Protein backbone atom coordinates (compact mmCIF):
# COMPACT_ATOMS: atom_id res chain seq x y z
CA MET A 1 118.09 26.54 92.28
CA SER A 2 114.67 26.16 93.92
CA ASP A 3 111.80 23.90 92.92
CA ILE A 4 109.24 25.64 90.73
CA HIS A 5 105.65 24.48 91.09
CA PHE A 6 102.64 25.80 89.22
CA GLY A 7 99.59 26.22 91.49
CA THR A 8 96.07 27.41 90.75
CA ASP A 9 97.30 30.16 88.44
CA GLY A 10 100.98 29.74 87.65
CA TRP A 11 104.06 30.01 89.86
CA ARG A 12 104.39 32.59 92.63
CA ALA A 13 107.27 33.07 95.04
CA ARG A 14 109.09 35.57 97.25
CA ILE A 15 111.18 38.10 95.28
CA ALA A 16 114.95 37.57 95.66
CA GLU A 17 114.44 34.40 97.69
CA ASP A 18 112.98 32.05 95.10
CA PHE A 19 111.70 34.50 92.50
CA THR A 20 115.06 35.36 90.95
CA PHE A 21 116.16 36.11 87.41
CA ASP A 22 117.70 32.67 87.05
CA ASN A 23 114.53 30.94 88.24
CA VAL A 24 112.34 33.05 85.95
CA ARG A 25 114.60 32.02 83.07
CA ARG A 26 114.22 28.37 84.10
CA ALA A 27 110.43 28.73 84.16
CA ALA A 28 110.53 30.40 80.75
CA GLN A 29 112.66 27.56 79.38
CA GLY A 30 110.10 25.04 80.60
CA PHE A 31 107.34 27.04 78.89
CA ALA A 32 109.41 27.31 75.70
CA ASP A 33 110.02 23.55 75.61
CA TYR A 34 106.31 22.96 76.21
CA LEU A 35 105.40 25.19 73.26
CA LYS A 36 108.01 23.53 71.04
CA ALA A 37 106.63 20.10 71.90
CA SER A 38 103.01 21.19 71.46
CA TYR A 39 103.38 23.26 68.26
CA PRO A 40 106.56 22.08 66.50
CA ALA A 41 105.46 23.40 63.09
CA GLU A 42 103.85 26.65 64.31
CA LEU A 43 106.52 28.39 66.37
CA SER A 44 106.44 31.42 64.06
CA ARG A 45 103.14 32.39 65.70
CA GLY A 46 105.17 33.38 68.73
CA ALA A 47 104.14 34.18 72.29
CA VAL A 48 103.05 37.34 74.10
CA VAL A 49 105.17 38.48 77.06
CA GLY A 50 104.33 41.24 79.53
CA GLY A 51 104.23 42.07 83.21
CA ASP A 52 102.67 44.09 86.01
CA LYS A 53 103.84 47.02 88.17
CA ARG A 54 105.50 45.01 90.93
CA PHE A 55 109.16 45.41 91.77
CA ARG A 56 111.23 44.91 88.59
CA SER A 57 108.42 43.08 86.77
CA GLU A 58 109.41 44.74 83.51
CA ASP A 59 112.94 43.36 83.91
CA PHE A 60 111.69 39.87 84.72
CA ALA A 61 109.54 40.12 81.58
CA VAL A 62 112.68 40.93 79.58
CA ALA A 63 114.35 37.83 81.05
CA ALA A 64 111.42 35.64 79.97
CA ALA A 65 111.36 37.19 76.50
CA GLU A 66 115.08 36.52 76.01
CA VAL A 67 114.60 32.82 76.74
CA LEU A 68 111.61 32.36 74.44
CA ALA A 69 113.38 34.20 71.61
CA ALA A 70 116.50 32.08 72.02
CA ASN A 71 114.33 29.00 71.59
CA GLY A 72 113.06 30.15 68.21
CA ILE A 73 109.74 31.51 69.50
CA PRO A 74 109.11 35.10 68.36
CA VAL A 75 108.03 37.36 71.22
CA HIS A 76 105.28 39.98 71.07
CA PHE A 77 106.61 42.10 73.93
CA CYS A 78 104.20 44.30 75.93
CA GLY A 79 106.61 45.36 78.66
CA GLY A 80 105.53 46.15 82.21
CA GLY A 81 102.32 47.67 83.54
CA MET A 82 100.05 45.79 81.13
CA PRO A 83 96.74 44.44 82.52
CA THR A 84 96.52 40.66 82.50
CA PRO A 85 93.25 40.61 80.49
CA ILE A 86 94.89 42.71 77.78
CA ILE A 87 97.89 40.38 77.61
CA SER A 88 95.46 37.46 77.31
CA PHE A 89 93.49 39.26 74.61
CA GLY A 90 96.77 39.96 72.82
CA VAL A 91 97.30 36.22 72.41
CA THR A 92 94.18 35.92 70.27
CA GLU A 93 94.80 39.22 68.47
CA ARG A 94 98.28 38.07 67.43
CA HIS A 95 97.15 34.47 66.87
CA ALA A 96 99.99 33.53 69.20
CA LEU A 97 100.69 30.19 70.86
CA GLY A 98 100.25 31.57 74.36
CA ALA A 99 101.63 34.09 76.83
CA ALA A 100 104.06 34.43 79.70
CA ASN A 101 102.97 37.12 82.16
CA ILE A 102 105.09 38.36 85.06
CA THR A 103 102.59 39.06 87.84
CA ALA A 104 101.64 37.91 91.31
CA SER A 105 98.18 39.42 90.90
CA HIS A 106 96.78 39.96 94.41
CA ASN A 107 99.66 38.44 96.43
CA PRO A 108 101.54 40.42 99.12
CA PRO A 109 104.13 43.03 98.02
CA ASN A 110 107.15 40.74 98.49
CA ASP A 111 105.89 38.22 95.93
CA ASN A 112 106.01 38.02 92.16
CA GLY A 113 104.81 35.39 89.75
CA PHE A 114 104.94 33.76 86.33
CA LYS A 115 101.54 33.15 84.71
CA VAL A 116 101.12 31.25 81.47
CA ARG A 117 98.25 31.35 78.99
CA ASP A 118 97.20 29.07 76.14
CA GLU A 119 96.44 29.92 72.51
CA ASN A 120 92.90 31.00 73.46
CA GLY A 121 94.24 33.52 75.97
CA GLY A 122 92.92 31.42 78.85
CA ALA A 123 94.59 29.65 81.74
CA ILE A 124 96.39 26.44 80.83
CA ASP A 125 94.69 23.34 82.17
CA PRO A 126 96.23 21.19 84.95
CA ALA A 127 97.69 18.65 82.53
CA GLY A 128 99.43 21.42 80.60
CA LEU A 129 100.79 23.00 83.78
CA SER A 130 102.21 19.64 84.83
CA ALA A 131 103.84 19.25 81.40
CA ILE A 132 105.48 22.69 81.72
CA GLU A 133 106.75 21.87 85.23
CA ALA A 134 108.25 18.64 83.99
CA LYS A 135 110.25 20.51 81.35
CA ILE A 136 111.78 23.13 83.67
CA PRO A 137 115.55 22.51 83.78
CA ASP A 138 117.11 21.82 87.17
CA THR A 139 119.85 24.41 86.67
CA ILE A 140 120.43 27.59 84.70
CA ALA A 141 122.84 25.62 82.51
CA GLY A 142 119.80 24.16 80.74
CA VAL A 143 118.48 27.60 79.71
CA GLN A 144 118.92 29.23 76.30
CA ARG A 145 119.10 33.03 76.18
CA LEU A 146 119.25 35.70 73.45
CA GLU A 147 120.10 39.18 74.78
CA PHE A 148 117.09 41.50 74.45
CA ASP A 149 118.53 44.14 72.12
CA ALA A 150 119.98 41.45 69.88
CA GLY A 151 116.58 39.76 69.85
CA VAL A 152 114.92 43.00 68.77
CA LYS A 153 117.52 43.52 66.04
CA ALA A 154 117.03 39.96 64.80
CA GLY A 155 113.26 40.40 64.68
CA MET A 156 112.71 37.73 67.32
CA ILE A 157 111.46 40.24 69.90
CA ARG A 158 108.83 42.65 68.57
CA ILE A 159 107.51 45.54 70.65
CA TYR A 160 103.74 45.15 70.71
CA ASP A 161 100.92 47.37 71.98
CA PRO A 162 97.68 45.35 72.29
CA VAL A 163 95.67 48.23 73.78
CA PRO A 164 94.06 49.67 70.59
CA ALA A 165 92.73 46.26 69.53
CA TYR A 166 91.58 45.56 73.11
CA ASP A 167 89.71 48.88 73.18
CA ALA A 168 87.94 47.95 69.96
CA ARG A 169 86.93 44.57 71.41
CA ILE A 170 85.48 46.15 74.57
CA ARG A 171 83.52 48.69 72.54
CA SER A 172 82.09 45.83 70.45
CA LEU A 173 80.81 44.16 73.63
CA ILE A 174 79.33 47.20 75.34
CA ASP A 175 78.13 50.66 74.33
CA VAL A 176 79.99 52.83 76.83
CA GLU A 177 78.41 56.11 75.71
CA PRO A 178 75.31 55.82 77.98
CA ILE A 179 77.63 55.27 80.97
CA LYS A 180 79.72 58.26 79.95
CA GLN A 181 76.61 60.47 79.80
CA ALA A 182 74.85 59.06 82.89
CA GLY A 183 76.14 61.76 85.23
CA PHE A 184 77.52 59.28 87.75
CA THR A 185 80.35 60.00 90.13
CA ILE A 186 82.57 56.91 90.02
CA LEU A 187 85.55 56.20 92.27
CA VAL A 188 88.00 53.78 90.65
CA ASP A 189 90.38 52.10 93.10
CA ASN A 190 93.25 50.76 90.99
CA MET A 191 95.11 49.31 94.00
CA TRP A 192 98.41 50.74 92.65
CA GLY A 193 98.11 48.29 89.78
CA ASN A 194 97.93 47.84 86.03
CA GLY A 195 94.34 48.96 85.60
CA ALA A 196 95.02 52.65 86.24
CA GLY A 197 93.45 54.82 83.55
CA TYR A 198 91.62 52.09 81.67
CA LEU A 199 88.10 52.70 82.98
CA SER A 200 88.61 56.44 82.47
CA ARG A 201 89.48 55.91 78.81
CA PHE A 202 86.04 54.33 78.32
CA ILE A 203 83.69 56.38 80.52
CA ALA A 204 85.34 59.75 81.26
CA GLY A 205 84.89 62.83 79.11
CA GLY A 206 81.13 63.16 79.37
CA LYS A 207 78.71 63.93 82.21
CA THR A 208 80.06 61.09 84.35
CA ARG A 209 82.86 62.07 86.70
CA VAL A 210 85.63 59.48 87.18
CA ILE A 211 88.08 59.79 90.07
CA GLU A 212 91.09 57.49 89.83
CA HIS A 213 92.49 56.43 93.22
CA HIS A 214 95.72 54.54 94.03
CA ALA A 215 96.57 55.09 90.38
CA GLY A 216 100.36 55.42 90.51
CA ARG A 217 103.00 52.75 90.72
CA ASN A 218 103.93 51.78 94.25
CA PRO A 219 105.02 48.13 94.66
CA ILE A 220 104.70 48.21 98.46
CA PHE A 221 100.95 48.86 98.07
CA PRO A 222 100.33 51.47 100.80
CA GLU A 223 96.92 51.57 102.58
CA MET A 224 96.37 47.86 101.98
CA LYS A 225 97.92 44.54 102.91
CA ARG A 226 97.92 43.42 99.30
CA PRO A 227 96.21 44.45 96.05
CA GLU A 228 93.34 41.99 96.55
CA PRO A 229 89.91 43.57 95.92
CA ILE A 230 88.32 42.58 99.25
CA PRO A 231 88.28 44.15 102.74
CA PRO A 232 90.38 45.36 104.44
CA ASN A 233 92.43 46.16 101.34
CA VAL A 234 89.59 48.19 99.83
CA ASP A 235 88.76 50.14 102.98
CA ALA A 236 90.86 53.22 102.12
CA GLY A 237 89.33 53.38 98.65
CA LEU A 238 85.82 53.06 100.04
CA ALA A 239 86.52 55.86 102.53
CA LYS A 240 87.64 58.08 99.65
CA ALA A 241 84.47 57.18 97.73
CA LYS A 242 82.34 58.20 100.72
CA GLU A 243 84.21 61.49 100.93
CA ILE A 244 83.36 62.40 97.33
CA GLY A 245 79.82 60.98 97.38
CA ALA A 246 80.41 58.32 94.74
CA ASP A 247 77.43 56.58 93.13
CA ALA A 248 79.51 53.40 92.80
CA VAL A 249 83.03 52.17 93.44
CA CYS A 250 84.88 50.20 90.78
CA ILE A 251 87.86 48.22 92.09
CA LEU A 252 90.62 46.51 90.11
CA ASP A 253 93.19 44.19 91.66
CA GLY A 254 96.94 44.47 91.07
CA ASP A 255 96.91 43.07 87.53
CA ALA A 256 93.33 44.20 86.69
CA ASP A 257 91.92 40.76 86.04
CA ARG A 258 89.73 40.78 89.15
CA CYS A 259 86.83 43.03 90.02
CA GLY A 260 85.52 44.56 93.23
CA PHE A 261 82.50 46.81 93.59
CA GLY A 262 81.04 49.22 96.13
CA ASP A 263 77.53 50.64 96.41
CA GLU A 264 76.22 54.21 96.60
CA HIS A 265 76.91 54.23 100.35
CA SER A 266 80.53 53.20 99.76
CA GLN A 267 79.82 49.76 101.22
CA PHE A 268 81.60 46.77 99.72
CA ILE A 269 79.48 44.28 97.77
CA ASP A 270 81.01 40.84 98.24
CA GLN A 271 82.29 38.98 95.20
CA LEU A 272 79.61 36.26 95.30
CA ARG A 273 76.88 38.88 95.06
CA VAL A 274 78.80 40.62 92.28
CA TYR A 275 78.94 37.37 90.29
CA ALA A 276 75.19 36.90 90.69
CA LEU A 277 74.59 40.53 89.63
CA LEU A 278 76.66 39.99 86.48
CA ALA A 279 74.74 36.81 85.65
CA MET A 280 71.44 38.64 86.24
CA TYR A 281 72.62 41.44 83.96
CA LEU A 282 73.35 39.07 81.08
CA LEU A 283 70.28 36.85 81.55
CA GLU A 284 67.57 39.25 82.67
CA VAL A 285 68.63 42.67 81.40
CA ARG A 286 70.37 41.75 78.15
CA GLY A 287 68.27 38.64 77.51
CA LEU A 288 71.25 36.43 76.63
CA ARG A 289 71.35 32.68 77.20
CA GLY A 290 74.16 30.21 77.71
CA PRO A 291 75.83 28.07 80.36
CA ILE A 292 77.08 29.55 83.62
CA VAL A 293 80.49 28.17 84.58
CA LYS A 294 81.44 28.48 88.23
CA THR A 295 83.87 27.06 90.73
CA ILE A 296 82.49 25.14 93.67
CA SER A 297 83.58 27.97 95.96
CA THR A 298 81.16 30.52 94.56
CA THR A 299 77.51 31.35 95.01
CA SER A 300 74.50 29.04 94.93
CA MET A 301 72.52 32.05 93.62
CA LEU A 302 73.89 31.08 90.22
CA ASP A 303 72.21 27.67 90.44
CA LYS A 304 68.93 29.43 91.20
CA LEU A 305 69.37 31.85 88.30
CA GLY A 306 70.26 28.94 86.02
CA ALA A 307 67.06 27.15 86.96
CA ARG A 308 64.98 30.31 86.55
CA TYR A 309 66.29 31.08 83.05
CA GLY A 310 66.69 27.51 81.86
CA VAL A 311 70.46 27.55 81.41
CA PRO A 312 72.90 24.88 82.63
CA VAL A 313 75.31 25.54 85.48
CA ILE A 314 78.72 23.88 85.20
CA ASN A 315 80.66 23.39 88.47
CA THR A 316 84.46 23.11 88.40
CA GLY A 317 87.44 23.04 90.71
CA VAL A 318 88.88 26.34 91.96
CA GLY A 319 90.92 28.44 89.54
CA PHE A 320 90.73 29.56 85.95
CA LYS A 321 92.80 26.56 84.94
CA TYR A 322 89.42 24.80 85.29
CA ILE A 323 87.10 27.67 84.36
CA ALA A 324 88.82 28.58 81.06
CA PRO A 325 88.70 25.07 79.53
CA ALA A 326 85.07 24.70 80.65
CA MET A 327 84.17 28.06 79.09
CA MET A 328 85.61 26.85 75.80
CA GLU A 329 84.04 23.40 75.98
CA HIS A 330 80.53 24.59 76.85
CA ASP A 331 80.54 28.00 75.10
CA GLY A 332 79.92 29.57 78.49
CA LEU A 333 77.99 32.81 78.74
CA ILE A 334 79.88 33.74 81.89
CA GLY A 335 82.50 32.04 84.00
CA GLY A 336 83.86 33.00 87.38
CA GLU A 337 85.12 32.22 90.83
CA GLU A 338 84.83 33.32 94.45
CA SER A 339 87.95 35.49 94.26
CA GLY A 340 86.25 38.10 92.05
CA GLY A 341 87.40 36.94 88.62
CA TYR A 342 84.81 36.83 85.83
CA ALA A 343 85.04 35.96 82.12
CA PHE A 344 82.49 36.59 79.39
CA ARG A 345 81.42 35.07 76.09
CA GLY A 346 82.64 36.98 73.04
CA HIS A 347 85.89 37.86 74.78
CA VAL A 348 88.81 35.71 75.94
CA PRO A 349 88.14 32.90 78.48
CA GLU A 350 90.02 34.92 81.06
CA ARG A 351 89.13 37.16 83.97
CA ASP A 352 88.68 40.78 82.99
CA GLY A 353 88.10 43.23 85.83
CA ILE A 354 87.85 46.17 83.43
CA LEU A 355 84.99 44.64 81.44
CA ALA A 356 83.28 43.33 84.59
CA ASN A 357 83.18 46.82 86.09
CA LEU A 358 81.85 48.28 82.85
CA TYR A 359 79.08 45.67 82.78
CA LEU A 360 78.09 46.55 86.36
CA LEU A 361 77.90 50.24 85.47
CA ASP A 362 75.86 49.36 82.37
CA LEU A 363 73.50 47.38 84.62
CA MET A 364 72.95 50.57 86.63
CA VAL A 365 72.29 52.57 83.47
CA ARG A 366 69.93 50.08 81.83
CA THR A 367 67.81 49.55 84.94
CA GLY A 368 68.02 53.04 86.39
CA LYS A 369 68.77 51.43 89.75
CA LYS A 370 71.38 52.13 92.39
CA PRO A 371 73.61 49.22 93.49
CA THR A 372 71.54 48.50 96.64
CA GLU A 373 68.38 48.47 94.52
CA LEU A 374 70.03 46.04 92.13
CA LEU A 375 70.75 43.71 95.06
CA ASP A 376 67.09 43.90 96.05
CA MET A 377 66.20 42.98 92.46
CA LEU A 378 68.60 40.05 92.57
CA PHE A 379 67.32 38.77 95.92
CA GLY A 380 63.79 38.89 94.55
CA LEU A 381 64.89 36.46 91.83
CA VAL A 382 66.77 34.01 94.08
CA GLY A 383 64.52 33.80 97.12
CA GLY A 384 66.20 36.31 99.41
CA PRO A 385 69.59 37.54 100.58
CA HIS A 386 72.57 35.20 100.61
CA TYR A 387 75.44 35.82 103.04
CA TYR A 388 79.09 34.96 102.52
CA ASP A 389 82.38 35.15 104.39
CA ARG A 390 85.83 33.55 104.39
CA ILE A 391 88.65 32.96 106.85
CA ASP A 392 92.22 32.36 105.64
CA THR A 393 94.66 30.58 107.95
CA ARG A 394 98.38 30.67 107.08
CA VAL A 395 100.01 27.26 107.62
CA LYS A 396 103.60 26.71 106.47
CA ASP A 397 103.97 23.49 108.44
CA ASN A 398 103.18 20.50 106.22
CA ALA A 399 102.33 18.45 109.31
CA ILE A 400 99.43 20.81 110.04
CA LYS A 401 98.23 20.47 106.46
CA GLN A 402 98.40 16.69 106.61
CA THR A 403 96.56 16.59 109.93
CA ALA A 404 93.86 18.84 108.49
CA LYS A 405 93.57 16.64 105.38
CA THR A 406 93.24 13.48 107.48
CA ARG A 407 90.52 15.06 109.60
CA LEU A 408 88.64 16.40 106.59
CA ASP A 409 88.83 13.08 104.72
CA ALA A 410 87.00 11.43 107.60
CA ALA A 411 84.66 14.28 108.52
CA MET A 412 80.90 14.06 107.97
CA PRO A 413 79.34 16.15 110.75
CA ALA A 414 75.58 15.95 111.26
CA THR A 415 75.30 19.72 111.54
CA ILE A 416 77.42 22.78 110.83
CA GLY A 417 76.49 26.09 112.39
CA GLY A 418 73.26 24.51 113.56
CA LEU A 419 72.22 23.55 110.02
CA ARG A 420 71.89 19.94 108.90
CA VAL A 421 74.58 18.68 106.50
CA THR A 422 73.00 17.05 103.43
CA ASP A 423 76.03 16.20 101.28
CA LYS A 424 79.83 16.31 101.04
CA VAL A 425 81.52 17.21 97.74
CA THR A 426 85.25 16.73 97.17
CA ILE A 427 85.81 18.11 93.65
CA ASP A 428 88.37 20.55 95.04
CA GLY A 429 88.63 20.66 98.81
CA TYR A 430 85.84 19.61 101.15
CA LYS A 431 82.42 21.15 100.57
CA PHE A 432 79.65 20.43 103.04
CA VAL A 433 76.21 21.23 101.60
CA LEU A 434 73.70 22.56 104.14
CA GLU A 435 69.94 22.15 104.42
CA ASP A 436 69.20 25.75 103.34
CA GLY A 437 71.13 25.24 100.09
CA GLY A 438 74.13 26.99 101.59
CA TRP A 439 77.55 25.45 102.06
CA LEU A 440 80.83 25.35 103.93
CA LEU A 441 84.05 24.75 101.97
CA VAL A 442 87.50 23.99 103.37
CA ARG A 443 90.35 23.86 100.85
CA PHE A 444 94.10 24.37 100.52
CA SER A 445 95.09 27.40 98.45
CA GLY A 446 96.90 26.60 95.21
CA THR A 447 98.87 29.86 95.22
CA GLU A 448 99.77 30.52 98.87
CA PRO A 449 100.42 28.50 102.09
CA LEU A 450 96.83 28.97 103.28
CA ILE A 451 93.88 26.88 104.33
CA ARG A 452 90.72 28.72 103.32
CA VAL A 453 87.38 28.24 105.04
CA TYR A 454 84.43 29.72 103.13
CA CYS A 455 80.68 29.67 103.58
CA GLU A 456 77.45 30.91 102.07
CA THR A 457 74.03 30.73 103.71
CA MET A 458 70.64 32.42 103.70
CA HIS A 459 70.93 32.74 107.49
CA GLY A 460 73.12 35.80 108.01
CA ASP A 461 73.21 35.28 111.78
CA LYS A 462 74.74 31.82 111.33
CA VAL A 463 77.80 32.85 109.26
CA PRO A 464 80.22 33.12 112.24
CA ALA A 465 79.09 29.77 113.67
CA ILE A 466 79.42 28.02 110.30
CA LEU A 467 82.96 29.34 109.84
CA GLN A 468 83.98 28.38 113.37
CA ASP A 469 82.65 24.86 112.84
CA GLY A 470 84.67 24.72 109.63
CA LEU A 471 87.83 25.66 111.51
CA ARG A 472 87.08 22.98 114.11
CA VAL A 473 86.44 20.30 111.49
CA ALA A 474 89.84 21.10 109.96
CA GLY A 475 91.56 21.12 113.37
CA LEU A 476 92.39 24.81 113.12
CA ALA A 477 90.38 25.92 116.17
C-alpha cells in the first residue's frame, strides 16, 4: 500500500504503480468516512461518481462507487467520459453531498487521479482534504465494498445522466443562437478528452461550422505530451485550424474543465490574456459587477480591470481548493487561475472549459471583433500589452526541493530581469513584485514533482531574463 496525498486538486499517481484498484478503494473509503463524519444524518443525499477517458477510468469509477455504496452512501453514477464540470454540476442538481471523480486532468498519459468535490460542486478546501487524507485506511482490509451489480439491484448505485440538466443550465447563462448563426468556422481541439461533442451540441447546426479535432478516445494522447491546453500540446490543433482557416480555436483539456483559445491566425492566446478577456466580457460587454477571484499566479490585468470597474479583486493561493471557497464567500463574478481554469457566477464554483469557450465566442459575436482585435480592446483598458511565460523544472529529489526552499526563503534580490523588486509575497510560493506592476513567481506544484517559475511583465523583451533570474534565485540554473 502506498501513501495517498491530496495536492492542489486531489490525488494523482502513476497507473499500476501507485494508482491501483486497491489504492483507489482506499481513497474512496477515506472520502466515505469524511462524508459520514460531516453529514451523519444526510447520507441519503448520496454522492456523484464519474470519470474521464484515461486508461480504465470507467473501471476505477466503478471501484469508487462500490466503496461509497457499501458505506451507506447512495451513488449517482455517471460512468466514464463525463466532463468534470458536468460531474460538479451534477452534485448541485442531485443535491448530493459531493463527488468522486476519476481523472488526472492534464497530467501525462501514464497518470490517473481521484478528485473530490463538496456539496456546492466546488473543490474541497485544504482543511477538508487533510481530513479525508487522515481517514484513508492504511490497508485494503479497512475498506468496505458492495459489488456494483448488487449495488444497482439494491438501489444504492443509480445510473445518472447529468447532461440534460447541464445543457439547460448553460442555455440559461448564455444565448447560444447568435453564435450558431454567426457564420464562424471554429476548430475545437478536444485533446482526446471528455469535452468531445459538447461545444458542437450548443453551436453547430446553423451557419457556424464546427470542426471537432482529437475527438476520439486515445489515452496515450497522440500529437501532444499531455492533454494540457498550452503549447506545445496545442500545436497540432492550431496547425489544423490554420489549414481550415478557422476564425477561432476552442481548446478543452483532458477532462474539459480548462480552456485554451486561439485567434483568427491560429496563434495561441495565453491563459492570462484569456482570463482578462473573460473578465472584460463580463464587466464591459455584459455590464455585470462582482468580485474577481484570482490566484496569485495569474494576471495583474485583473487588478487593473477591478480598479477601472470598481469591483474588488480577491487574491488566493494556487488551486481551486482556494478559488472555490472564495467564490462562495464573496459571491464572485468570476474566479480563475493561471492554468486556464475559470468559474462563473450563476454556475458551480468550478472550472468549466465548455462555458468559458462559449463566453469567448459570445464576446466575438457581441463586439463584432476578431480575437486579435479583442486583445487590442483589452490592452486599451489596462495600459498596454502584458507578457507571460512559465518554465517547469522536474525535480524528484527532495534535497533539491529543500535547497530551493532555503534559497527562496532568504532571497530578496534588488532586481530581477533588470527591473527593481518592490515586494515579496509568500501566500503560496515566492512572488517577487516588480516595478512595472509585473511579477515573478516560484512555487512547488501541488500535483506533480515540479518547480514552476512564472512571470508577467509589460516589457516583452525582458521575459527571458526574468525567468532566468527566477531559476537562479531558486538554484535551478
